[in-house]
Protein backbone atom coordinates (compact mmCIF):
# COMPACT_ATOMS: atom_id res chain seq x y z
CA MET A 1 15.50 10.45 10.85
CA LEU A 2 16.84 7.82 13.25
CA ALA A 3 16.50 8.94 16.86
CA THR A 4 18.07 5.87 18.44
CA ILE A 5 19.49 2.48 17.57
CA PHE A 6 18.74 -0.90 19.11
CA GLY A 7 17.89 -0.70 22.80
CA TYR A 8 15.78 1.62 24.85
CA ASP A 9 16.78 5.26 25.00
CA PRO A 10 14.32 7.35 27.06
CA LYS A 11 15.17 10.69 25.41
CA PRO A 12 13.34 10.24 22.05
CA TRP A 13 10.37 8.74 23.86
CA GLU A 14 10.19 11.72 26.21
CA GLN A 15 10.39 14.12 23.27
CA HIS A 16 7.61 12.20 21.53
CA GLN A 17 5.38 12.26 24.62
CA LYS A 18 5.84 16.01 25.00
CA ALA A 19 4.91 16.59 21.35
CA VAL A 20 1.80 14.40 21.68
CA ALA A 21 0.80 16.24 24.87
CA VAL A 22 0.89 19.56 22.99
CA ILE A 23 -1.21 18.08 20.17
CA ARG A 24 -3.78 16.72 22.63
CA LYS A 25 -4.13 20.06 24.39
CA SER A 26 -4.66 21.83 21.06
CA ILE A 27 -7.33 19.34 20.02
CA GLU A 28 -9.05 19.48 23.44
CA LYS A 29 -9.19 23.28 23.23
CA THR A 30 -10.70 23.14 19.76
CA ASN A 31 -13.21 20.54 20.91
CA ARG A 32 -14.36 22.75 23.82
CA CYS A 33 -14.79 25.73 21.48
CA ARG A 34 -17.05 23.88 19.08
CA THR A 35 -20.68 24.88 19.09
CA GLY A 36 -23.53 23.05 17.38
CA SER A 37 -22.29 20.35 15.01
CA LEU A 38 -18.74 19.12 15.17
CA SER A 39 -16.95 20.90 12.38
CA ALA A 40 -14.03 19.04 10.80
CA GLN A 41 -12.87 22.30 9.22
CA ARG A 42 -12.03 23.66 12.66
CA ALA A 43 -9.87 20.68 13.63
CA PRO A 44 -6.27 21.81 14.20
CA TYR A 45 -4.88 18.53 12.80
CA ASN A 46 -6.72 16.65 10.09
CA SER A 47 -3.95 14.16 9.32
CA PRO A 48 -0.37 13.34 10.39
CA SER A 49 0.98 15.55 7.59
CA ASP A 50 -0.20 18.53 9.68
CA ILE A 51 2.44 17.62 12.31
CA PRO A 52 5.61 17.20 10.20
CA ASN A 53 7.93 17.19 13.25
CA LEU A 54 6.68 13.69 14.13
CA ASN A 55 9.19 12.08 11.73
CA LYS A 56 11.51 10.01 13.94
CA ILE A 57 12.24 6.35 14.47
CA LEU A 58 12.08 5.97 18.24
CA GLN A 59 13.33 2.40 18.66
CA ILE A 60 14.33 -0.70 16.74
CA ASP A 61 13.83 -3.70 19.01
CA LEU A 62 15.82 -6.72 17.85
CA ASP A 63 14.43 -8.96 20.58
CA VAL A 64 10.92 -8.91 19.11
CA SER A 65 11.78 -7.64 15.58
CA THR A 66 9.67 -4.49 15.67
CA VAL A 67 10.24 -0.80 15.04
CA TRP A 68 8.47 2.13 16.65
CA ALA A 69 8.11 4.90 14.07
CA GLU A 70 6.37 8.26 14.16
CA PRO A 71 3.79 8.80 11.41
CA ASN A 72 5.82 10.98 9.06
CA VAL A 73 8.81 8.64 8.75
CA LYS A 74 9.25 7.99 5.05
CA MET A 75 9.37 4.45 3.75
CA GLU A 76 12.90 4.75 2.39
CA THR A 77 14.14 6.10 5.73
CA LEU A 78 12.51 3.22 7.54
CA VAL A 79 14.00 0.58 5.23
CA ARG A 80 17.52 2.04 5.35
CA ALA A 81 17.39 2.21 9.15
CA THR A 82 16.19 -1.38 9.61
CA ILE A 83 18.29 -3.03 6.89
CA ALA A 84 21.38 -1.99 8.86
CA TYR A 85 20.29 -4.66 11.36
CA GLY A 86 19.37 -7.25 8.74
CA LEU A 87 15.63 -6.47 8.95
CA VAL A 88 12.94 -4.82 6.85
CA PRO A 89 9.22 -4.20 7.37
CA ALA A 90 7.18 -7.25 6.47
CA VAL A 91 5.48 -5.26 3.67
CA VAL A 92 7.16 -2.22 2.11
CA ALA A 93 5.20 0.34 0.09
CA ALA A 94 6.53 0.90 -3.43
CA SER A 95 7.07 4.65 -2.99
CA LYS A 96 10.19 5.88 -1.21
CA SER A 97 8.47 9.08 -0.13
CA ILE A 98 5.22 7.69 1.24
CA THR A 99 5.05 7.94 5.05
CA VAL A 100 4.31 4.98 7.28
CA ALA A 101 1.05 6.65 8.40
CA ASP A 102 -0.12 7.10 4.80
CA ALA A 103 0.87 3.53 3.92
CA PHE A 104 -1.30 2.39 6.82
CA ALA A 105 -4.21 4.72 6.09
CA ALA A 106 -4.15 3.56 2.47
CA THR A 107 -4.22 -0.12 1.57
CA THR A 108 -0.65 -0.98 0.60
CA THR A 109 0.22 -4.30 -1.02
CA GLU A 110 3.48 -5.49 -2.48
CA SER A 111 5.32 -8.60 -3.63
CA SER A 112 5.76 -9.86 -0.05
CA SER A 113 2.00 -9.66 0.51
CA PHE A 114 1.46 -13.32 -0.45
CA LYS A 115 3.10 -14.09 2.92
CA PHE A 116 2.42 -11.06 5.12
CA GLY A 117 -0.77 -9.48 3.74
CA THR A 118 -1.32 -5.76 3.42
CA PHE A 119 0.96 -3.23 5.12
CA ASP A 120 -1.57 -2.66 7.90
CA CYS A 121 -1.30 -6.35 8.86
CA ALA A 122 2.30 -5.58 9.90
CA VAL A 123 1.17 -2.72 12.15
CA LEU A 124 0.91 -4.26 15.62
CA SER A 125 0.09 -1.11 17.61
CA LEU A 126 -1.31 2.29 16.72
CA GLU A 127 -1.07 5.35 18.95
CA THR A 128 -4.02 7.62 18.17
CA VAL A 129 -5.42 10.92 19.39
CA LEU A 130 -9.22 11.14 19.00
CA SER A 131 -11.04 14.29 17.92
CA ASP A 132 -11.80 15.16 21.57
CA GLY A 133 -8.12 14.90 22.55
CA GLN A 134 -8.39 11.46 24.15
CA TYR A 135 -5.28 9.25 23.85
CA VAL A 136 -5.65 5.62 22.71
CA MET A 137 -3.07 2.91 22.10
CA ALA A 138 -4.87 0.44 19.82
CA THR A 139 -3.47 -3.07 19.47
CA SER A 140 -4.59 -6.22 17.70
CA SER A 141 -4.47 -8.20 20.96
CA ASP A 142 -6.74 -5.84 22.91
CA SER A 143 -10.42 -6.55 22.28
CA CYS A 144 -11.36 -3.05 23.46
CA THR A 145 -9.21 -1.23 20.87
CA SER A 146 -8.59 -3.72 18.05
CA ASP A 147 -11.58 -2.37 16.09
CA LEU A 148 -9.93 1.08 15.97
CA LEU A 149 -6.71 -0.46 14.65
CA CYS A 150 -8.57 -2.47 12.01
CA GLY A 151 -11.00 0.27 11.08
CA SER A 152 -8.25 2.85 10.62
CA ALA A 153 -6.51 0.61 8.07
CA GLY A 154 -7.45 2.02 4.68
CA ALA A 155 -9.77 4.69 6.15
CA MET A 156 -7.65 7.65 5.04
CA HIS A 157 -7.03 9.21 8.49
CA SER A 158 -10.76 9.63 9.13
CA LEU A 159 -11.07 7.91 12.56
CA GLY A 160 -8.23 9.49 14.53
CA LEU A 161 -4.89 11.24 14.38
CA THR A 162 -2.06 8.69 14.21
CA THR A 163 0.99 9.71 16.26
CA LEU A 164 3.00 6.44 16.47
CA LEU A 165 3.09 2.98 14.90
CA GLU A 166 4.68 -0.31 15.96
CA ILE A 167 5.62 -2.22 12.80
CA ALA A 168 6.67 -5.87 12.49
CA LEU A 169 10.05 -6.59 10.87
CA VAL A 170 11.33 -9.68 9.07
CA SER A 171 14.86 -10.94 8.39
CA ALA A 172 16.44 -9.60 5.21
CA SER A 173 19.69 -9.57 3.25
CA GLU A 174 21.43 -6.92 1.20
CA TYR A 175 20.42 -8.39 -2.16
CA VAL A 176 17.45 -10.05 -3.80
CA GLU A 177 17.89 -12.84 -6.31
CA ILE A 178 15.06 -12.68 -8.84
CA THR A 179 14.15 -15.61 -11.03
CA CYS A 180 12.23 -14.70 -14.17
CA TRP A 181 9.70 -17.23 -15.54
CA PRO A 182 8.26 -16.31 -18.95
CA VAL A 183 4.52 -16.92 -19.38
CA SER A 184 2.25 -16.78 -22.41
CA SER A 185 -1.13 -16.24 -20.73
CA ILE A 186 -2.77 -14.61 -17.74
CA SER A 187 -3.93 -17.97 -16.43
CA GLY A 188 -0.39 -19.30 -16.76
CA ALA A 189 0.91 -16.43 -14.63
CA MET A 190 -1.85 -16.92 -12.05
CA HIS A 191 -1.15 -20.61 -11.59
CA LYS A 192 2.61 -20.12 -11.33
CA MET A 193 2.05 -17.66 -8.47
CA GLN A 194 -0.12 -20.02 -6.41
CA GLN A 195 1.50 -21.35 -3.28
CA VAL A 196 2.65 -24.95 -3.26
CA GLY A 197 0.79 -27.46 -1.11
CA GLU A 198 -2.87 -27.58 -2.05
CA THR A 199 -3.09 -30.02 -4.95
CA LEU A 200 -0.77 -32.07 -7.11
CA SER A 201 -1.54 -29.91 -10.16
CA VAL A 202 -0.58 -26.75 -8.28
CA ARG A 203 2.67 -28.29 -7.09
CA GLU A 204 3.53 -29.15 -10.67
CA ILE A 205 2.85 -25.65 -11.98
CA SER A 206 3.69 -23.28 -9.12
CA VAL A 207 7.11 -21.62 -8.83
CA VAL A 208 6.43 -20.39 -5.28
CA ASP A 209 7.85 -22.43 -2.40
CA SER A 210 8.95 -22.00 1.22
CA ALA A 211 12.19 -20.26 0.15
CA THR A 212 10.31 -17.59 -1.80
CA ASP A 213 10.28 -14.12 -0.24
CA PHE A 214 8.64 -12.16 -3.08
CA VAL A 215 6.39 -12.97 -6.02
CA GLU A 216 4.72 -10.89 -8.71
CA SER A 217 3.80 -11.04 -12.37
CA ILE A 218 4.16 -8.38 -15.05
CA MET A 219 1.87 -8.92 -18.02
CA PHE A 220 2.92 -6.88 -21.07
CA ASP A 221 -0.32 -7.90 -22.79
CA SER A 222 -2.79 -10.78 -22.52
CA SER A 223 -0.41 -13.31 -24.11
CA SER A 224 3.03 -12.31 -22.92
CA GLY A 225 4.54 -11.64 -19.55
CA VAL A 226 6.81 -12.86 -16.81
CA VAL A 227 6.43 -14.19 -13.28
CA LEU A 228 9.13 -12.98 -10.90
CA THR A 229 10.06 -14.86 -7.73
CA GLY A 230 12.58 -13.36 -5.34
CA ARG A 231 14.58 -14.53 -2.37
CA PHE A 232 17.01 -12.74 -0.10
CA THR A 233 20.67 -13.45 -0.72
CA PRO A 234 23.65 -12.01 1.19
CA ILE A 235 26.07 -11.83 -1.77
CA ALA A 236 25.98 -10.91 -5.45
CA ASP A 237 29.29 -12.29 -6.69
CA PHE A 238 28.11 -15.25 -8.72
CA ALA A 239 27.51 -15.72 -12.40
CA PHE A 240 24.12 -14.09 -12.78
CA VAL A 241 23.29 -10.80 -14.43
CA SER A 242 23.35 -7.90 -11.97
CA ILE A 243 20.91 -5.10 -12.77
CA SER A 244 20.29 -1.69 -11.28
CA THR A 245 17.31 0.61 -11.66
CA GLU A 246 19.54 3.59 -12.49
CA GLY A 247 18.73 5.23 -15.84
CA GLN A 248 16.13 2.66 -16.85
CA SER A 249 12.97 1.51 -15.12
CA PHE A 250 12.78 -1.88 -13.52
CA LEU A 251 9.96 -2.77 -15.87
CA GLN A 252 12.09 -1.90 -18.91
CA ARG A 253 14.92 -4.08 -17.59
CA ILE A 254 12.58 -7.00 -16.97
CA ARG A 255 11.08 -6.57 -20.44
CA SER A 256 14.60 -6.92 -21.84
CA VAL A 257 15.07 -10.10 -19.83
CA TRP A 258 11.70 -11.37 -21.08
CA GLN A 259 12.67 -10.64 -24.69
CA GLY A 260 15.78 -12.73 -24.14
CA SER A 261 13.53 -15.60 -23.05
CA LEU A 262 11.96 -15.59 -26.50
CA HIS A 263 15.23 -17.08 -27.75
CA GLY A 264 14.70 -20.29 -25.85
CA TRP A 265 15.33 -19.46 -22.17
CA GLU A 266 12.97 -21.21 -19.79
CA ARG A 267 14.04 -18.98 -16.96
CA CYS A 268 16.92 -16.78 -15.86
CA ALA A 269 18.07 -15.05 -12.71
CA VAL A 270 19.12 -11.46 -11.93
CA ILE A 271 20.45 -9.81 -8.78
CA VAL A 272 19.09 -6.52 -7.41
CA HIS A 273 20.12 -4.56 -4.34
CA ILE A 274 17.41 -4.62 -1.68
CA ILE A 275 16.77 -0.87 -1.91
CA ASP A 276 16.49 -1.01 -5.70
CA TYR A 277 14.15 -3.99 -5.50
CA LEU A 278 11.78 -2.73 -2.80
CA PHE A 279 11.32 0.59 -4.62
CA ARG A 280 11.52 -0.78 -8.16
CA HIS A 281 8.06 0.55 -9.06
CA ASP A 282 8.51 3.92 -7.36
CA ASP A 283 6.71 6.45 -9.52
CA SER A 284 7.29 9.55 -7.37
CA ARG A 285 9.75 11.13 -9.79
CA ALA A 286 7.41 10.65 -12.75
CA THR A 287 4.56 12.05 -10.70
CA ASP A 288 6.60 15.12 -9.75
CA ARG A 289 7.48 15.72 -13.40
CA ALA A 290 3.79 15.39 -14.37
CA HIS A 291 2.78 17.87 -11.66
CA LYS A 292 5.43 20.36 -12.80
CA LYS A 293 4.21 20.00 -16.39
CA ARG A 294 0.60 20.63 -15.34
CA ARG A 295 1.59 23.72 -13.35
CA SER A 296 3.57 24.99 -16.31
CA CYS A 297 0.62 24.46 -18.63
CA SER A 298 -1.69 26.21 -16.14
CA ARG A 299 0.48 29.31 -16.19
CA LYS A 300 0.21 29.39 -20.00
CA GLY A 301 -3.58 29.52 -19.89
CA SER A 302 -6.34 27.06 -20.62
CA SER A 303 -5.19 26.41 -24.17
CA GLY A 304 -1.99 24.88 -22.80
CA LEU A 305 -3.68 22.43 -20.43
CA PRO A 306 -3.04 18.73 -21.06
CA ASP A 307 -5.88 16.60 -22.31
CA PRO A 308 -7.45 15.01 -19.19
CA ALA A 309 -8.00 11.81 -21.16
CA GLN A 310 -4.24 11.51 -21.53
CA ALA A 311 -3.43 12.00 -17.82
CA ARG A 312 -2.05 8.68 -16.61
CA VAL A 313 -2.72 7.80 -12.99
CA LEU A 314 -1.82 4.84 -10.83
CA GLN A 315 -4.67 2.39 -10.23
CA ASP A 316 -4.88 -0.46 -7.70
CA ILE A 317 -7.77 -2.92 -7.59
CA GLY A 318 -8.39 -6.25 -5.84
CA LEU A 319 -10.00 -9.35 -7.32
CA PRO A 320 -10.53 -12.98 -6.28
CA PHE A 321 -8.53 -15.60 -8.15
CA GLU A 322 -11.56 -16.85 -10.08
CA THR A 323 -12.27 -13.54 -11.85
CA VAL A 324 -8.84 -12.00 -12.52
CA GLU A 325 -8.43 -13.47 -16.00
CA GLU A 326 -11.96 -12.54 -17.09
CA HIS A 327 -11.59 -9.00 -15.81
CA MET A 328 -8.23 -8.52 -17.54
CA HIS A 329 -9.55 -9.81 -20.84
CA SER A 330 -12.76 -7.77 -20.70
CA PHE A 331 -11.32 -4.54 -19.30
CA HIS A 332 -7.59 -4.36 -20.03
CA GLY A 333 -8.01 -6.09 -23.35
CA SER A 334 -10.77 -3.79 -24.55
CA GLN A 335 -9.11 -0.63 -23.21
CA GLY A 336 -5.56 -1.58 -24.25
CA ILE A 337 -4.21 -0.79 -20.77
CA TRP A 338 -0.87 -2.57 -20.38
CA PRO A 339 1.38 -3.50 -18.67
CA VAL A 340 -0.29 -4.77 -15.52
CA CYS A 341 1.52 -5.90 -12.35
CA ILE A 342 -0.21 -8.69 -10.40
CA TYR A 343 0.43 -9.56 -6.74
CA PRO A 344 -1.14 -12.41 -4.76
CA VAL A 345 -2.21 -11.05 -1.36
CA LYS A 346 -3.01 -12.88 1.85
CA PRO A 347 -6.02 -11.00 3.31
CA PRO A 348 -6.18 -9.56 6.86
CA TYR A 349 -8.71 -12.31 7.69
CA ALA A 350 -5.88 -14.85 7.50
CA PHE A 351 -4.17 -13.05 10.40
CA GLY A 352 -7.32 -12.72 12.48
CA ARG A 353 -7.63 -9.13 11.41
CA ARG A 354 -10.16 -6.98 9.57
CA SER A 355 -9.34 -3.98 7.44
CA PHE A 356 -11.65 -1.24 6.29
CA GLY A 357 -9.47 -0.80 3.19
CA ILE A 358 -10.26 -4.33 1.92
CA GLY A 359 -13.74 -3.71 0.67
CA ALA A 360 -14.73 -7.32 -0.02
CA ALA A 361 -14.76 -9.96 2.72
CA PHE A 362 -11.90 -12.03 1.32
CA GLU A 363 -11.10 -15.12 3.35
CA HIS A 364 -8.55 -16.52 0.92
CA VAL A 365 -5.76 -15.11 -1.19
CA PHE A 366 -6.87 -12.38 -3.58
CA PHE A 367 -4.93 -10.64 -6.32
CA ASN A 368 -3.91 -7.00 -6.53
CA LEU A 369 -3.70 -5.47 -10.03
CA ARG A 370 -1.62 -2.34 -10.47
CA PHE A 371 -1.50 -0.34 -13.68
CA TYR A 372 -1.54 3.15 -15.16
CA SER A 373 -4.49 4.48 -17.13
CA SER A 374 -6.40 7.64 -17.87
CA HIS A 375 -9.15 8.98 -15.60
CA THR A 376 -11.79 8.55 -18.28
CA ALA A 377 -10.84 5.00 -19.19
CA CYS A 378 -11.44 3.79 -15.66
CA SER A 379 -14.28 5.96 -14.39
CA GLY A 380 -17.24 3.74 -15.15
CA ILE A 381 -16.16 0.71 -17.16
CA MET A 382 -13.69 -0.54 -14.58
CA GLU A 383 -16.06 -0.09 -11.67
CA ARG A 384 -18.85 -1.99 -13.45
CA SER A 385 -16.40 -4.78 -14.18
CA LEU A 386 -15.29 -4.86 -10.54
CA ARG A 387 -18.88 -5.16 -9.32
CA ASP A 388 -19.51 -7.99 -11.77
CA MET A 389 -16.25 -9.76 -10.80
CA HIS A 390 -16.72 -9.37 -7.01
CA GLY A 391 -13.65 -7.18 -6.67
CA PHE A 392 -13.02 -3.82 -5.06
CA ARG A 393 -11.21 -0.56 -5.62
CA TYR A 394 -8.83 0.98 -3.14
CA LEU A 395 -10.05 4.34 -1.83
CA GLN A 396 -6.60 5.93 -1.99
CA CYS A 397 -6.49 5.43 -5.77
CA ARG A 398 -5.37 8.66 -7.45
CA ALA A 399 -8.16 8.55 -10.00
CA PRO A 400 -11.41 10.27 -8.98
CA CYS A 401 -13.62 8.14 -6.74
CA SER A 402 -17.21 9.10 -6.00
CA GLU A 403 -19.14 8.61 -2.78
CA VAL A 404 -21.38 6.09 -4.52
CA THR A 405 -18.36 4.08 -5.69
CA ALA A 406 -16.84 4.12 -2.21
CA TRP A 407 -19.81 2.43 -0.59
CA VAL A 408 -20.38 -0.08 -3.35
CA PHE A 409 -17.11 -1.73 -2.32
CA HIS A 410 -16.79 -0.84 1.38
CA ASP A 411 -18.77 -1.46 4.57
CA ASP A 412 -20.48 1.86 5.33
CA ARG A 413 -22.40 0.58 8.36
CA TRP A 414 -19.27 -0.75 10.08
CA TYR A 415 -17.46 2.49 9.27
CA GLY A 416 -20.32 4.62 10.59
CA LYS A 417 -20.41 2.72 13.90
CA LEU A 418 -16.66 3.18 14.26
CA ARG A 419 -16.99 6.92 13.62
CA SER A 420 -19.57 7.12 16.40
CA ARG A 421 -17.80 4.82 18.88
CA TRP A 422 -14.44 6.59 18.57
CA LYS A 423 -15.86 10.13 18.47
CA ALA A 424 -14.37 10.77 15.04
CA GLN A 425 -16.84 13.47 13.98
CA GLY A 426 -14.15 16.10 14.42
CA PHE A 427 -12.09 14.62 11.56
CA PRO A 428 -13.03 14.70 7.87
CA ASP A 429 -14.88 11.52 6.89
CA ILE A 430 -14.35 9.38 3.82
CA GLY A 431 -16.71 11.53 1.77
CA SER A 432 -14.72 14.66 2.57
CA ARG A 433 -11.44 12.91 1.86
CA LEU A 434 -12.79 11.91 -1.54
CA GLY A 435 -14.05 15.42 -2.23
CA SER A 436 -17.69 14.36 -2.13
CA PRO A 437 -20.02 17.42 -2.02
CA GLN A 438 -22.74 15.53 -0.13
CA PRO A 439 -22.63 14.31 3.47
CA LEU A 440 -22.59 10.55 3.92
CA THR A 441 -25.30 8.62 5.77
CA TYR A 442 -23.72 5.54 7.29
CA VAL A 443 -26.35 3.75 9.36
């Protein structure tokens, strides 16, 4: 909910400070009562979801284009509040219902990531309560606390309790004009999404320029797909096709556009409202339906349970440019897992940042692959392919992820040092978050 509009209003800040003071006292009391080892199970708050009343937008500052949001503000609420002032977060998570704290604690990428990186790159400040009750405001410009900000990105709420975030905003309009470019190969899609400016050959092939606000590719199979470039536009009253996501998924609509391209179109343009576009891949409704179906089957007994091999879950992985095509041919081609959405992503390194959630040390643009598949199809084959292709797997992925897998792709020593430095032993670690039965040894 929106607590205030542009300008400083002390009341919501005072209410927030009082709420945080109560949380700190509760954590301090628990910390004093601990005996022997620090037990995460005794922690009164293991994640921001344990404090649902922290769900307000405290301030939208137009002078510096930032918003101060409490951790349980949902992404749709944040976008609707900021778009009223012609602004949106630099990177917006695909799900309407995901909170800003969860988007930060996961590794969120989207079609604006080729310019602004992962969602955590847009988080400028992070208010955190440590497991001993200590208060910390971590910022990227403070050398004493920047490691806490960076380390918390993608670490699944395992370093501290987030109570407030300062998020960078960018200028936006009410509509997005999408240009659809049909492609006949994965490599064709990859080259079209490269940014203009490096070589003559890239300039000749790329469809991304300085006016581009969004870019992604949807590959329906290895030899057919479409690259989508988007730019903000204030009006939608010109002779292009206007589409809405109501009643039909965005992917289905784009597939229809792509099928039209088979009749000789080189490209075409469509107009989408900003809310429809930013949440075009929102799968929360489908997930809710799947959960209801599983609960219904559970009540009927084991014979009514769905086949685990048929349970489709959202997967996100990251790969360098050089290995995307090989991985998609070897893994997606052999498993028949299509469609696949591809996003170029500027890594945190490009902004002078480091993120625990980005497992590999990418210095240049990497590519995020998003798709649905069964648990069994991705358990071992995909991870072997990722290791061979120098990629990584996001820890927040809904498919099962083992402790061994986690540390193949992520820096356990850095993480362990952060846990020690910021007294995080009172919060569940990555192993606990992943449901690992064995304690982790970091250093």
